Amino acid sequence: MTTSLADWKGVPAPTVQTIEGRFIRLEKLDPARHGDGLWNALEGPGADPKLWDYLPYGPFPERGAFNDWLNNHAANSDPYFFSVIDRASGEVQGILSLMSIVPSQGRIEIGHVTFGAPMQRSPKSTEAVYLLAKASFELGYRRLEWKCNNGNARSKYAAERLGFSFEGVFRQHMVVKGQNRDTAWYSILDSEWPAIAAGFEQWLSDENQTESGQVKTLVECRQ
């Protein structure tokens, strides 16, 4: 059955500067305020050695190139970058963006997900994606995308765990760092979001959090 969109007029581009969550706060990327924290989280001692493997940039062996990278991102509105601030410590622990923003079609993507070690496999990483997804659908977007290298098992697992539906693989989609990239595509539609959002809220709730982990998995919270 085809849904009529005769009254569709598009949606606004994102302009939000701060999004508050339970565990984290997302702040529009500001290299002057966030640069030192991001350098420490992403390139400092204890940084994830696999962090940059599937990203089109990095690693950055020296700070000048890292600063140029941040300044370039901060100057653009697509991708629209956020720094992730741990609310308990105030530390900057990661970065991610809204991107491929097409307001006229109601299409938007979460990408450039680059989380330091303290965020990985924690409620903070899940909440960061939830907050951007929630903000996108509240603006009226119809489709939220997630794309990654088809060889990136961690990102593919994350997409499915977070509630994105696999749509297929674009073969020979890009050349990245001198290597072919087949791109796996995932999405969440606005009609699917209320149930997925409820799962996020249950998973992030105080009742589901313990010192040793979560009572229920995110997948269980959606069921």
N, C-alpha and C. Protein backbone atom coordinates (compact mmCIF):
# COMPACT_ATOMS: atom_id res chain seq x y z
N MET A 1 0.85 -1.19 0.00
CA MET A 1 0.00 0.00 0.00
C MET A 1 0.89 1.25 0.00
N THR A 2 0.64 2.16 -0.91
CA THR A 2 1.43 3.38 -1.02
C THR A 2 0.85 4.46 -0.12
N THR A 3 1.71 5.08 0.68
CA THR A 3 1.29 6.17 1.56
C THR A 3 1.39 7.49 0.81
N SER A 4 0.33 8.26 0.85
CA SER A 4 0.34 9.55 0.17
C SER A 4 1.23 10.54 0.92
N LEU A 5 2.07 11.23 0.17
CA LEU A 5 2.91 12.28 0.72
C LEU A 5 2.63 13.61 0.02
N ALA A 6 1.38 13.79 -0.35
CA ALA A 6 1.00 14.99 -1.10
C ALA A 6 1.29 16.26 -0.31
N ASP A 7 1.26 16.18 1.03
CA ASP A 7 1.50 17.36 1.86
C ASP A 7 2.93 17.46 2.36
N TRP A 8 3.81 16.58 1.87
CA TRP A 8 5.20 16.58 2.34
C TRP A 8 5.90 17.86 1.90
N LYS A 9 6.53 18.54 2.85
CA LYS A 9 7.22 19.79 2.55
C LYS A 9 8.68 19.77 2.99
N GLY A 10 9.18 18.60 3.36
CA GLY A 10 10.55 18.51 3.82
C GLY A 10 10.66 18.84 5.30
N VAL A 11 11.87 18.81 5.81
CA VAL A 11 12.14 19.02 7.22
C VAL A 11 13.34 19.96 7.37
N PRO A 12 13.55 20.53 8.54
CA PRO A 12 14.71 21.41 8.73
C PRO A 12 16.01 20.63 8.87
N ALA A 13 17.09 21.26 8.52
CA ALA A 13 18.41 20.70 8.80
C ALA A 13 18.69 20.81 10.29
N PRO A 14 19.49 19.90 10.85
CA PRO A 14 19.79 19.99 12.28
C PRO A 14 20.62 21.22 12.62
N THR A 15 20.27 21.87 13.71
CA THR A 15 21.00 23.04 14.19
C THR A 15 21.26 22.95 15.69
N VAL A 16 20.82 21.89 16.33
CA VAL A 16 20.94 21.76 17.79
C VAL A 16 22.41 21.83 18.20
N GLN A 17 22.66 22.49 19.31
CA GLN A 17 24.02 22.67 19.80
C GLN A 17 24.37 21.72 20.95
N THR A 18 23.38 21.35 21.75
CA THR A 18 23.61 20.49 22.91
C THR A 18 22.43 19.54 23.07
N ILE A 19 22.73 18.27 23.35
CA ILE A 19 21.68 17.27 23.63
C ILE A 19 22.07 16.57 24.92
N GLU A 20 21.21 16.64 25.92
CA GLU A 20 21.49 16.04 27.22
C GLU A 20 20.94 14.62 27.30
N GLY A 21 21.76 13.72 27.84
CA GLY A 21 21.33 12.36 28.09
C GLY A 21 21.54 11.99 29.54
N ARG A 22 21.35 10.71 29.86
CA ARG A 22 21.56 10.23 31.23
C ARG A 22 23.04 10.10 31.55
N PHE A 23 23.79 9.53 30.62
CA PHE A 23 25.20 9.23 30.86
C PHE A 23 26.14 10.21 30.17
N ILE A 24 25.67 10.81 29.10
CA ILE A 24 26.51 11.69 28.29
C ILE A 24 25.78 12.96 27.92
N ARG A 25 26.54 13.89 27.40
CA ARG A 25 26.00 15.09 26.77
C ARG A 25 26.67 15.23 25.41
N LEU A 26 25.88 15.49 24.39
CA LEU A 26 26.43 15.76 23.07
C LEU A 26 26.53 17.26 22.88
N GLU A 27 27.70 17.73 22.49
CA GLU A 27 27.91 19.15 22.23
C GLU A 27 28.43 19.31 20.81
N LYS A 28 27.88 20.29 20.10
CA LYS A 28 28.39 20.60 18.77
C LYS A 28 29.91 20.74 18.83
N LEU A 29 30.59 20.09 17.91
CA LEU A 29 32.05 20.07 17.94
C LEU A 29 32.64 21.48 17.96
N ASP A 30 33.48 21.73 18.95
CA ASP A 30 34.21 22.99 19.10
C ASP A 30 35.66 22.63 19.37
N PRO A 31 36.54 22.68 18.34
CA PRO A 31 37.92 22.26 18.54
C PRO A 31 38.62 22.98 19.68
N ALA A 32 38.30 24.26 19.92
CA ALA A 32 38.96 25.00 20.99
C ALA A 32 38.64 24.40 22.36
N ARG A 33 37.41 23.94 22.55
CA ARG A 33 37.00 23.38 23.84
C ARG A 33 37.22 21.88 23.93
N HIS A 34 37.09 21.20 22.80
CA HIS A 34 37.09 19.74 22.82
C HIS A 34 38.38 19.10 22.31
N GLY A 35 39.24 19.88 21.69
CA GLY A 35 40.40 19.32 21.01
C GLY A 35 41.32 18.51 21.90
N ASP A 36 41.68 19.05 23.07
CA ASP A 36 42.59 18.33 23.96
C ASP A 36 41.99 17.00 24.41
N GLY A 37 40.72 17.03 24.78
CA GLY A 37 40.06 15.81 25.24
C GLY A 37 39.96 14.77 24.14
N LEU A 38 39.63 15.21 22.94
CA LEU A 38 39.52 14.26 21.83
C LEU A 38 40.88 13.68 21.47
N TRP A 39 41.92 14.51 21.49
CA TRP A 39 43.26 14.00 21.20
C TRP A 39 43.65 12.91 22.21
N ASN A 40 43.38 13.15 23.48
CA ASN A 40 43.71 12.17 24.50
C ASN A 40 42.89 10.89 24.35
N ALA A 41 41.57 11.06 24.05
CA ALA A 41 40.69 9.89 23.96
C ALA A 41 40.98 9.04 22.73
N LEU A 42 41.33 9.69 21.62
CA LEU A 42 41.44 8.97 20.35
C LEU A 42 42.86 8.62 19.96
N GLU A 43 43.83 9.37 20.49
CA GLU A 43 45.22 9.13 20.12
C GLU A 43 46.16 8.98 21.32
N GLY A 44 45.64 9.14 22.52
CA GLY A 44 46.47 9.09 23.71
C GLY A 44 46.75 7.68 24.18
N PRO A 45 47.43 7.55 25.32
CA PRO A 45 47.70 6.22 25.88
C PRO A 45 46.42 5.43 26.11
N GLY A 46 46.44 4.18 25.73
CA GLY A 46 45.28 3.33 25.89
C GLY A 46 44.25 3.44 24.79
N ALA A 47 44.53 4.23 23.74
CA ALA A 47 43.59 4.37 22.63
C ALA A 47 43.43 3.03 21.90
N ASP A 48 42.26 2.79 21.38
CA ASP A 48 41.95 1.56 20.65
C ASP A 48 42.81 1.48 19.39
N PRO A 49 43.67 0.47 19.25
CA PRO A 49 44.54 0.39 18.07
C PRO A 49 43.79 0.14 16.76
N LYS A 50 42.56 -0.35 16.86
CA LYS A 50 41.76 -0.64 15.67
C LYS A 50 40.79 0.49 15.32
N LEU A 51 40.85 1.58 16.08
CA LEU A 51 39.87 2.64 15.97
C LEU A 51 39.74 3.19 14.56
N TRP A 52 40.86 3.36 13.86
CA TRP A 52 40.87 4.04 12.57
C TRP A 52 40.84 3.08 11.38
N ASP A 53 40.78 1.78 11.64
CA ASP A 53 40.95 0.80 10.56
C ASP A 53 39.98 1.01 9.41
N TYR A 54 38.73 1.31 9.71
CA TYR A 54 37.71 1.40 8.66
C TYR A 54 37.23 2.82 8.41
N LEU A 55 37.93 3.79 8.98
CA LEU A 55 37.58 5.19 8.74
C LEU A 55 38.43 5.74 7.60
N PRO A 56 37.93 6.73 6.87
CA PRO A 56 38.66 7.24 5.70
C PRO A 56 39.82 8.15 6.05
N TYR A 57 40.10 8.34 7.32
CA TYR A 57 41.18 9.19 7.80
C TYR A 57 41.80 8.53 9.01
N GLY A 58 42.92 9.10 9.51
CA GLY A 58 43.58 8.59 10.70
C GLY A 58 44.31 7.28 10.45
N PRO A 59 45.14 6.89 11.41
CA PRO A 59 45.43 7.60 12.66
C PRO A 59 46.27 8.85 12.41
N PHE A 60 46.37 9.66 13.46
CA PHE A 60 47.09 10.93 13.36
C PHE A 60 48.32 10.88 14.27
N PRO A 61 49.50 10.69 13.71
CA PRO A 61 50.69 10.58 14.56
C PRO A 61 51.11 11.90 15.19
N GLU A 62 50.63 13.02 14.66
CA GLU A 62 50.99 14.30 15.25
C GLU A 62 49.78 15.23 15.36
N ARG A 63 49.84 16.12 16.35
CA ARG A 63 48.66 16.89 16.75
C ARG A 63 48.22 17.87 15.67
N GLY A 64 49.14 18.43 14.88
CA GLY A 64 48.75 19.41 13.88
C GLY A 64 47.76 18.87 12.88
N ALA A 65 48.02 17.67 12.38
CA ALA A 65 47.10 17.05 11.41
C ALA A 65 45.75 16.75 12.06
N PHE A 66 45.79 16.34 13.33
CA PHE A 66 44.55 16.07 14.07
C PHE A 66 43.74 17.35 14.22
N ASN A 67 44.41 18.46 14.55
CA ASN A 67 43.71 19.74 14.68
C ASN A 67 43.09 20.17 13.36
N ASP A 68 43.81 19.98 12.25
CA ASP A 68 43.26 20.32 10.94
C ASP A 68 42.01 19.51 10.66
N TRP A 69 42.05 18.24 11.02
CA TRP A 69 40.89 17.35 10.83
C TRP A 69 39.68 17.86 11.62
N LEU A 70 39.89 18.21 12.88
CA LEU A 70 38.80 18.72 13.70
C LEU A 70 38.27 20.05 13.17
N ASN A 71 39.17 20.95 12.81
CA ASN A 71 38.74 22.26 12.32
C ASN A 71 37.94 22.15 11.04
N ASN A 72 38.32 21.24 10.17
CA ASN A 72 37.58 21.04 8.94
C ASN A 72 36.16 20.54 9.23
N HIS A 73 36.05 19.61 10.15
CA HIS A 73 34.73 19.09 10.50
C HIS A 73 33.86 20.17 11.15
N ALA A 74 34.46 20.95 12.02
CA ALA A 74 33.69 21.96 12.74
C ALA A 74 33.16 23.04 11.82
N ALA A 75 33.85 23.26 10.69
CA ALA A 75 33.46 24.32 9.77
C ALA A 75 32.30 23.92 8.86
N ASN A 76 31.94 22.63 8.84
CA ASN A 76 30.93 22.14 7.91
C ASN A 76 29.62 21.84 8.63
N SER A 77 28.52 21.93 7.88
CA SER A 77 27.21 21.58 8.42
C SER A 77 26.76 20.19 7.98
N ASP A 78 27.51 19.57 7.07
CA ASP A 78 27.25 18.19 6.67
C ASP A 78 28.59 17.58 6.24
N PRO A 79 29.18 16.74 7.09
CA PRO A 79 28.67 16.19 8.34
C PRO A 79 28.56 17.25 9.44
N TYR A 80 27.61 17.02 10.34
CA TYR A 80 27.34 17.90 11.47
C TYR A 80 27.82 17.16 12.72
N PHE A 81 28.98 17.57 13.24
CA PHE A 81 29.69 16.78 14.25
C PHE A 81 29.34 17.17 15.67
N PHE A 82 29.34 16.15 16.54
CA PHE A 82 29.16 16.32 17.97
C PHE A 82 30.30 15.65 18.72
N SER A 83 30.75 16.30 19.78
CA SER A 83 31.64 15.66 20.74
C SER A 83 30.78 15.01 21.83
N VAL A 84 31.29 13.89 22.36
CA VAL A 84 30.58 13.17 23.41
C VAL A 84 31.26 13.44 24.75
N ILE A 85 30.49 13.99 25.69
CA ILE A 85 31.02 14.37 26.99
C ILE A 85 30.47 13.41 28.05
N ASP A 86 31.35 12.77 28.79
CA ASP A 86 30.92 11.93 29.90
C ASP A 86 30.40 12.83 31.02
N ARG A 87 29.15 12.64 31.41
CA ARG A 87 28.54 13.56 32.39
C ARG A 87 29.17 13.40 33.77
N ALA A 88 29.60 12.20 34.12
CA ALA A 88 30.15 11.97 35.45
C ALA A 88 31.51 12.65 35.63
N SER A 89 32.36 12.56 34.61
CA SER A 89 33.72 13.08 34.73
C SER A 89 33.95 14.40 34.01
N GLY A 90 33.07 14.74 33.06
CA GLY A 90 33.27 15.92 32.23
C GLY A 90 34.27 15.72 31.11
N GLU A 91 34.78 14.49 30.96
CA GLU A 91 35.78 14.21 29.92
C GLU A 91 35.13 14.10 28.55
N VAL A 92 35.85 14.57 27.53
CA VAL A 92 35.45 14.36 26.14
C VAL A 92 35.95 12.98 25.74
N GLN A 93 35.06 12.10 25.30
CA GLN A 93 35.45 10.70 25.09
C GLN A 93 35.17 10.18 23.68
N GLY A 94 34.63 10.99 22.81
CA GLY A 94 34.36 10.50 21.47
C GLY A 94 33.74 11.56 20.58
N ILE A 95 33.46 11.15 19.36
CA ILE A 95 32.92 12.07 18.36
C ILE A 95 32.06 11.26 17.40
N LEU A 96 31.01 11.86 16.88
CA LEU A 96 30.16 11.24 15.85
C LEU A 96 29.38 12.35 15.16
N SER A 97 28.67 12.00 14.10
CA SER A 97 28.02 13.06 13.32
C SER A 97 26.68 12.62 12.76
N LEU A 98 25.88 13.62 12.43
CA LEU A 98 24.80 13.46 11.47
C LEU A 98 25.36 13.85 10.11
N MET A 99 25.00 13.11 9.07
CA MET A 99 25.62 13.34 7.77
C MET A 99 24.68 12.89 6.65
N SER A 100 25.12 13.10 5.41
CA SER A 100 24.27 12.78 4.26
C SER A 100 22.86 13.32 4.50
N ILE A 101 22.80 14.59 4.90
CA ILE A 101 21.55 15.21 5.35
C ILE A 101 20.80 15.75 4.14
N VAL A 102 19.61 15.21 3.91
CA VAL A 102 18.79 15.62 2.76
C VAL A 102 17.42 16.03 3.29
N PRO A 103 17.28 17.28 3.78
CA PRO A 103 16.02 17.69 4.38
C PRO A 103 14.83 17.58 3.44
N SER A 104 15.04 17.82 2.15
CA SER A 104 13.91 17.78 1.21
C SER A 104 13.30 16.39 1.09
N GLN A 105 14.11 15.36 1.36
CA GLN A 105 13.62 13.99 1.28
C GLN A 105 13.43 13.34 2.65
N GLY A 106 13.82 14.05 3.70
CA GLY A 106 13.69 13.49 5.05
C GLY A 106 14.63 12.33 5.30
N ARG A 107 15.84 12.45 4.78
CA ARG A 107 16.83 11.37 4.90
C ARG A 107 18.07 11.89 5.62
N ILE A 108 18.60 11.10 6.55
CA ILE A 108 19.76 11.52 7.34
C ILE A 108 20.50 10.27 7.82
N GLU A 109 21.76 10.41 8.13
CA GLU A 109 22.61 9.26 8.50
C GLU A 109 23.39 9.59 9.77
N ILE A 110 23.64 8.58 10.59
CA ILE A 110 24.60 8.68 11.68
C ILE A 110 25.90 8.05 11.21
N GLY A 111 27.00 8.79 11.30
CA GLY A 111 28.26 8.27 10.82
C GLY A 111 29.46 8.90 11.50
N HIS A 112 30.64 8.57 11.00
CA HIS A 112 31.90 9.05 11.57
C HIS A 112 31.96 8.73 13.07
N VAL A 113 31.46 7.56 13.44
CA VAL A 113 31.40 7.19 14.86
C VAL A 113 32.81 6.80 15.30
N THR A 114 33.39 7.61 16.20
CA THR A 114 34.77 7.40 16.64
C THR A 114 34.80 7.58 18.15
N PHE A 115 34.72 6.45 18.87
CA PHE A 115 34.61 6.47 20.32
C PHE A 115 35.90 6.00 20.96
N GLY A 116 36.37 6.73 21.96
CA GLY A 116 37.52 6.31 22.74
C GLY A 116 37.21 5.07 23.55
N ALA A 117 38.26 4.42 24.08
CA ALA A 117 38.10 3.17 24.80
C ALA A 117 37.10 3.23 25.95
N PRO A 118 37.03 4.32 26.75
CA PRO A 118 36.06 4.34 27.86
C PRO A 118 34.60 4.31 27.40
N MET A 119 34.33 4.62 26.15
CA MET A 119 32.96 4.61 25.65
C MET A 119 32.55 3.26 25.08
N GLN A 120 33.51 2.48 24.65
CA GLN A 120 33.18 1.27 23.91
C GLN A 120 32.57 0.22 24.83
N ARG A 121 31.54 -0.44 24.33
CA ARG A 121 30.82 -1.47 25.08
C ARG A 121 30.32 -0.90 26.42
N SER A 122 29.76 0.31 26.36
CA SER A 122 29.24 0.95 27.57
C SER A 122 27.91 1.61 27.23
N PRO A 123 27.11 1.97 28.25
CA PRO A 123 25.86 2.68 27.97
C PRO A 123 26.09 3.99 27.23
N LYS A 124 27.26 4.58 27.38
CA LYS A 124 27.53 5.87 26.75
C LYS A 124 27.50 5.78 25.23
N SER A 125 28.06 4.72 24.67
CA SER A 125 28.07 4.60 23.21
C SER A 125 26.67 4.36 22.67
N THR A 126 25.90 3.55 23.37
CA THR A 126 24.51 3.30 22.96
C THR A 126 23.68 4.57 23.05
N GLU A 127 23.86 5.31 24.14
CA GLU A 127 23.07 6.53 24.33
C GLU A 127 23.41 7.58 23.29
N ALA A 128 24.67 7.67 22.87
CA ALA A 128 25.05 8.66 21.86
C ALA A 128 24.26 8.46 20.57
N VAL A 129 24.15 7.21 20.13
CA VAL A 129 23.38 6.92 18.92
C VAL A 129 21.90 7.18 19.16
N TYR A 130 21.40 6.75 20.30
CA TYR A 130 19.98 6.98 20.62
C TYR A 130 19.64 8.47 20.58
N LEU A 131 20.48 9.31 21.17
CA LEU A 131 20.18 10.74 21.23
C LEU A 131 20.13 11.37 19.84
N LEU A 132 21.05 10.97 18.95
CA LEU A 132 21.02 11.52 17.59
C LEU A 132 19.84 10.97 16.80
N ALA A 133 19.52 9.70 16.99
CA ALA A 133 18.35 9.14 16.32
C ALA A 133 17.08 9.85 16.78
N LYS A 134 16.94 10.02 18.07
CA LYS A 134 15.76 10.69 18.62
C LYS A 134 15.64 12.11 18.08
N ALA A 135 16.76 12.85 18.06
CA ALA A 135 16.74 14.22 17.55
C ALA A 135 16.34 14.26 16.09
N SER A 136 16.79 13.29 15.32
CA SER A 136 16.49 13.24 13.88
C SER A 136 15.00 13.02 13.64
N PHE A 137 14.43 12.05 14.34
CA PHE A 137 13.02 11.76 14.13
C PHE A 137 12.13 12.86 14.71
N GLU A 138 12.58 13.53 15.76
CA GLU A 138 11.81 14.65 16.29
C GLU A 138 11.76 15.81 15.30
N LEU A 139 12.78 15.94 14.46
CA LEU A 139 12.77 16.97 13.41
C LEU A 139 11.86 16.59 12.25
N GLY A 140 11.43 15.34 12.21
CA GLY A 140 10.52 14.90 11.15
C GLY A 140 11.16 14.07 10.05
N TYR A 141 12.41 13.65 10.25
CA TYR A 141 13.05 12.82 9.22
C TYR A 141 12.33 11.48 9.11
N ARG A 142 12.28 10.98 7.88
CA ARG A 142 11.55 9.74 7.57
C ARG A 142 12.45 8.52 7.62
N ARG A 143 13.75 8.74 7.42
CA ARG A 143 14.67 7.62 7.25
C ARG A 143 16.02 7.98 7.88
N LEU A 144 16.50 7.09 8.76
CA LEU A 144 17.80 7.23 9.39
C LEU A 144 18.69 6.11 8.89
N GLU A 145 19.86 6.46 8.40
CA GLU A 145 20.75 5.47 7.79
C GLU A 145 21.99 5.20 8.64
N TRP A 146 22.56 4.03 8.41
CA TRP A 146 23.85 3.62 8.97
C TRP A 146 24.56 2.88 7.85
N LYS A 147 25.76 3.31 7.52
CA LYS A 147 26.53 2.64 6.47
C LYS A 147 27.93 2.34 6.99
N CYS A 148 28.49 1.23 6.52
CA CYS A 148 29.84 0.88 6.96
C CYS A 148 30.49 -0.04 5.95
N ASN A 149 31.80 -0.16 6.05
CA ASN A 149 32.54 -1.12 5.24
C ASN A 149 31.99 -2.52 5.52
N ASN A 150 31.70 -3.27 4.47
CA ASN A 150 31.12 -4.60 4.66
C ASN A 150 32.07 -5.53 5.39
N GLY A 151 33.35 -5.19 5.44
CA GLY A 151 34.30 -5.98 6.19
C GLY A 151 34.39 -5.61 7.66
N ASN A 152 33.68 -4.58 8.07
CA ASN A 152 33.76 -4.08 9.44
C ASN A 152 32.74 -4.80 10.31
N ALA A 153 33.14 -5.92 10.86
CA ALA A 153 32.22 -6.75 11.63
C ALA A 153 31.69 -6.02 12.86
N ARG A 154 32.51 -5.20 13.49
CA ARG A 154 32.07 -4.49 14.70
C ARG A 154 30.95 -3.52 14.38
N SER A 155 31.08 -2.77 13.27
CA SER A 155 30.06 -1.79 12.91
C SER A 155 28.78 -2.47 12.47
N LYS A 156 28.89 -3.58 11.75
CA LYS A 156 27.70 -4.31 11.31
C LYS A 156 26.94 -4.89 12.51
N TYR A 157 27.69 -5.42 13.46
CA TYR A 157 27.05 -5.94 14.68
C TYR A 157 26.35 -4.80 15.43
N ALA A 158 27.04 -3.66 15.53
CA ALA A 158 26.46 -2.51 16.24
C ALA A 158 25.17 -2.06 15.58
N ALA A 159 25.15 -1.98 14.25
CA ALA A 159 23.95 -1.52 13.54
C ALA A 159 22.76 -2.41 13.87
N GLU A 160 22.95 -3.70 13.83
CA GLU A 160 21.84 -4.62 14.08
C GLU A 160 21.43 -4.60 15.55
N ARG A 161 22.41 -4.51 16.44
CA ARG A 161 22.09 -4.42 17.86
C ARG A 161 21.28 -3.16 18.15
N LEU A 162 21.60 -2.06 17.47
CA LEU A 162 20.93 -0.77 17.71
C LEU A 162 19.56 -0.68 17.06
N GLY A 163 19.17 -1.68 16.29
CA GLY A 163 17.83 -1.71 15.72
C GLY A 163 17.73 -1.34 14.26
N PHE A 164 18.87 -1.12 13.59
CA PHE A 164 18.85 -0.83 12.16
C PHE A 164 18.60 -2.13 11.38
N SER A 165 17.88 -2.01 10.28
CA SER A 165 17.60 -3.15 9.41
C SER A 165 18.59 -3.18 8.25
N PHE A 166 19.15 -4.34 7.99
CA PHE A 166 20.09 -4.52 6.89
C PHE A 166 19.35 -4.44 5.57
N GLU A 167 19.89 -3.66 4.62
CA GLU A 167 19.23 -3.47 3.33
C GLU A 167 20.02 -4.05 2.15
N GLY A 168 21.31 -4.30 2.34
CA GLY A 168 22.08 -4.84 1.24
C GLY A 168 23.48 -4.26 1.20
N VAL A 169 24.24 -4.68 0.19
CA VAL A 169 25.63 -4.25 0.04
C VAL A 169 25.82 -3.60 -1.32
N PHE A 170 26.40 -2.39 -1.31
CA PHE A 170 26.81 -1.72 -2.55
C PHE A 170 28.23 -2.18 -2.86
N ARG A 171 28.38 -3.00 -3.87
CA ARG A 171 29.70 -3.54 -4.20
C ARG A 171 30.56 -2.50 -4.90
N GLN A 172 31.85 -2.49 -4.58
CA GLN A 172 32.81 -1.53 -5.14
C GLN A 172 32.27 -0.10 -5.06
N HIS A 173 31.78 0.23 -3.89
CA HIS A 173 31.14 1.52 -3.66
C HIS A 173 32.15 2.66 -3.57
N MET A 174 33.33 2.38 -2.96
CA MET A 174 34.32 3.42 -2.73
C MET A 174 35.73 2.84 -2.81
N VAL A 175 36.70 3.75 -2.93
CA VAL A 175 38.10 3.41 -2.70
C VAL A 175 38.54 4.21 -1.48
N VAL A 176 38.93 3.52 -0.41
CA VAL A 176 39.27 4.16 0.86
C VAL A 176 40.66 3.70 1.28
N LYS A 177 41.55 4.64 1.48
CA LYS A 177 42.93 4.33 1.87
C LYS A 177 43.56 3.31 0.94
N GLY A 178 43.27 3.48 -0.34
CA GLY A 178 43.87 2.61 -1.34
C GLY A 178 43.28 1.22 -1.40
N GLN A 179 42.13 1.01 -0.75
CA GLN A 179 41.49 -0.30 -0.73
C GLN A 179 40.04 -0.19 -1.22
N ASN A 180 39.57 -1.25 -1.87
CA ASN A 180 38.15 -1.28 -2.25
C ASN A 180 37.28 -1.34 -1.01
N ARG A 181 36.15 -0.63 -1.05
CA ARG A 181 35.16 -0.72 0.01
C ARG A 181 33.82 -1.11 -0.58
N ASP A 182 33.32 -2.29 -0.17
CA ASP A 182 31.93 -2.66 -0.37
C ASP A 182 31.18 -2.11 0.84
N THR A 183 30.07 -1.42 0.62
CA THR A 183 29.39 -0.73 1.71
C THR A 183 28.08 -1.43 2.07
N ALA A 184 27.95 -1.78 3.35
CA ALA A 184 26.72 -2.35 3.88
C ALA A 184 25.79 -1.22 4.31
N TRP A 185 24.52 -1.31 3.91
CA TRP A 185 23.53 -0.28 4.20
C TRP A 185 22.51 -0.80 5.21
N TYR A 186 22.17 0.08 6.16
CA TYR A 186 21.16 -0.22 7.18
C TYR A 186 20.26 1.02 7.34
N SER A 187 19.07 0.81 7.87
CA SER A 187 18.18 1.96 8.08
C SER A 187 17.18 1.69 9.20
N ILE A 188 16.66 2.78 9.75
CA ILE A 188 15.48 2.78 10.60
C ILE A 188 14.49 3.76 9.98
N LEU A 189 13.24 3.37 9.83
CA LEU A 189 12.20 4.25 9.31
C LEU A 189 11.41 4.89 10.44
N ASP A 190 10.79 6.02 10.13
CA ASP A 190 10.04 6.73 11.17
C ASP A 190 8.92 5.86 11.76
N SER A 191 8.34 4.99 10.95
CA SER A 191 7.27 4.12 11.44
C SER A 191 7.80 3.06 12.42
N GLU A 192 9.08 2.75 12.31
CA GLU A 192 9.71 1.75 13.18
C GLU A 192 10.26 2.37 14.47
N TRP A 193 10.47 3.67 14.45
CA TRP A 193 11.19 4.31 15.54
C TRP A 193 10.50 4.21 16.90
N PRO A 194 9.17 4.40 17.03
CA PRO A 194 8.59 4.35 18.38
C PRO A 194 8.92 3.07 19.14
N ALA A 195 8.84 1.92 18.49
CA ALA A 195 9.15 0.66 19.18
C ALA A 195 10.64 0.56 19.49
N ILE A 196 11.48 1.01 18.56
CA ILE A 196 12.93 0.97 18.78
C ILE A 196 13.31 1.94 19.89
N ALA A 197 12.70 3.12 19.90
CA ALA A 197 12.97 4.10 20.95
C ALA A 197 12.59 3.56 22.32
N ALA A 198 11.46 2.88 22.41
CA ALA A 198 11.04 2.31 23.69
C ALA A 198 12.05 1.29 24.19
N GLY A 199 12.63 0.52 23.26
CA GLY A 199 13.67 -0.42 23.64
C GLY A 199 14.91 0.27 24.18
N PHE A 200 15.31 1.34 23.52
CA PHE A 200 16.45 2.13 24.01
C PHE A 200 16.18 2.65 25.42
N GLU A 201 14.99 3.22 25.63
CA GLU A 201 14.67 3.81 26.92
C GLU A 201 14.69 2.75 28.02
N GLN A 202 14.16 1.58 27.73
CA GLN A 202 14.17 0.51 28.73
C GLN A 202 15.59 0.07 29.03
N TRP A 203 16.41 -0.06 27.99
CA TRP A 203 17.79 -0.52 28.17
C TRP A 203 18.62 0.49 28.96
N LEU A 204 18.39 1.79 28.70
CA LEU A 204 19.15 2.84 29.36
C LEU A 204 18.65 3.17 30.76
N SER A 205 17.49 2.64 31.14
CA SER A 205 16.88 2.99 32.42
C SER A 205 17.74 2.54 33.59
N ASP A 206 17.59 3.22 34.71
CA ASP A 206 18.32 2.86 35.93
C ASP A 206 18.05 1.41 36.33
N GLU A 207 16.82 0.95 36.13
CA GLU A 207 16.44 -0.41 36.53
C GLU A 207 17.21 -1.47 35.74
N ASN A 208 17.68 -1.11 34.55
CA ASN A 208 18.37 -2.10 33.71
C ASN A 208 19.89 -2.06 33.87
N GLN A 209 20.40 -1.08 34.61
CA GLN A 209 21.84 -0.91 34.76
C GLN A 209 22.31 -1.47 36.10
N THR A 210 23.34 -2.30 36.06
CA THR A 210 23.96 -2.80 37.27
C THR A 210 25.47 -2.57 37.16
N GLU A 211 26.18 -2.77 38.26
CA GLU A 211 27.63 -2.58 38.23
C GLU A 211 28.32 -3.57 37.31
N SER A 212 27.69 -4.72 37.10
CA SER A 212 28.30 -5.75 36.26
C SER A 212 27.77 -5.75 34.83
N GLY A 213 26.85 -4.81 34.50
CA GLY A 213 26.30 -4.77 33.15
C GLY A 213 24.81 -4.51 33.18
N GLN A 214 24.13 -4.95 32.13
CA GLN A 214 22.70 -4.71 32.00
C GLN A 214 21.90 -5.97 32.32
N VAL A 215 20.72 -5.78 32.89
CA VAL A 215 19.85 -6.90 33.19
C VAL A 215 19.35 -7.55 31.90
N LYS A 216 18.89 -6.70 30.96
CA LYS A 216 18.41 -7.19 29.68
C LYS A 216 19.27 -6.60 28.56
N THR A 217 19.44 -7.35 27.49
CA THR A 217 20.15 -6.83 26.33
C THR A 217 19.25 -5.85 25.60
N LEU A 218 19.84 -5.07 24.72
CA LEU A 218 19.05 -4.11 23.94
C LEU A 218 18.06 -4.84 23.05
N VAL A 219 18.46 -5.94 22.48
CA VAL A 219 17.56 -6.74 21.64
C VAL A 219 16.38 -7.24 22.48
N GLU A 220 16.65 -7.71 23.69
CA GLU A 220 15.56 -8.18 24.56
C GLU A 220 14.61 -7.04 24.93
N CYS A 221 15.16 -5.85 25.10
CA CYS A 221 14.31 -4.70 25.45
C CYS A 221 13.39 -4.28 24.31
N ARG A 222 13.72 -4.65 23.10
CA ARG A 222 12.85 -4.33 21.95
C ARG A 222 11.77 -5.38 21.72
N GLN A 223 11.91 -6.52 22.36
CA GLN A 223 10.96 -7.61 22.09
C GLN A 223 9.69 -7.48 22.91
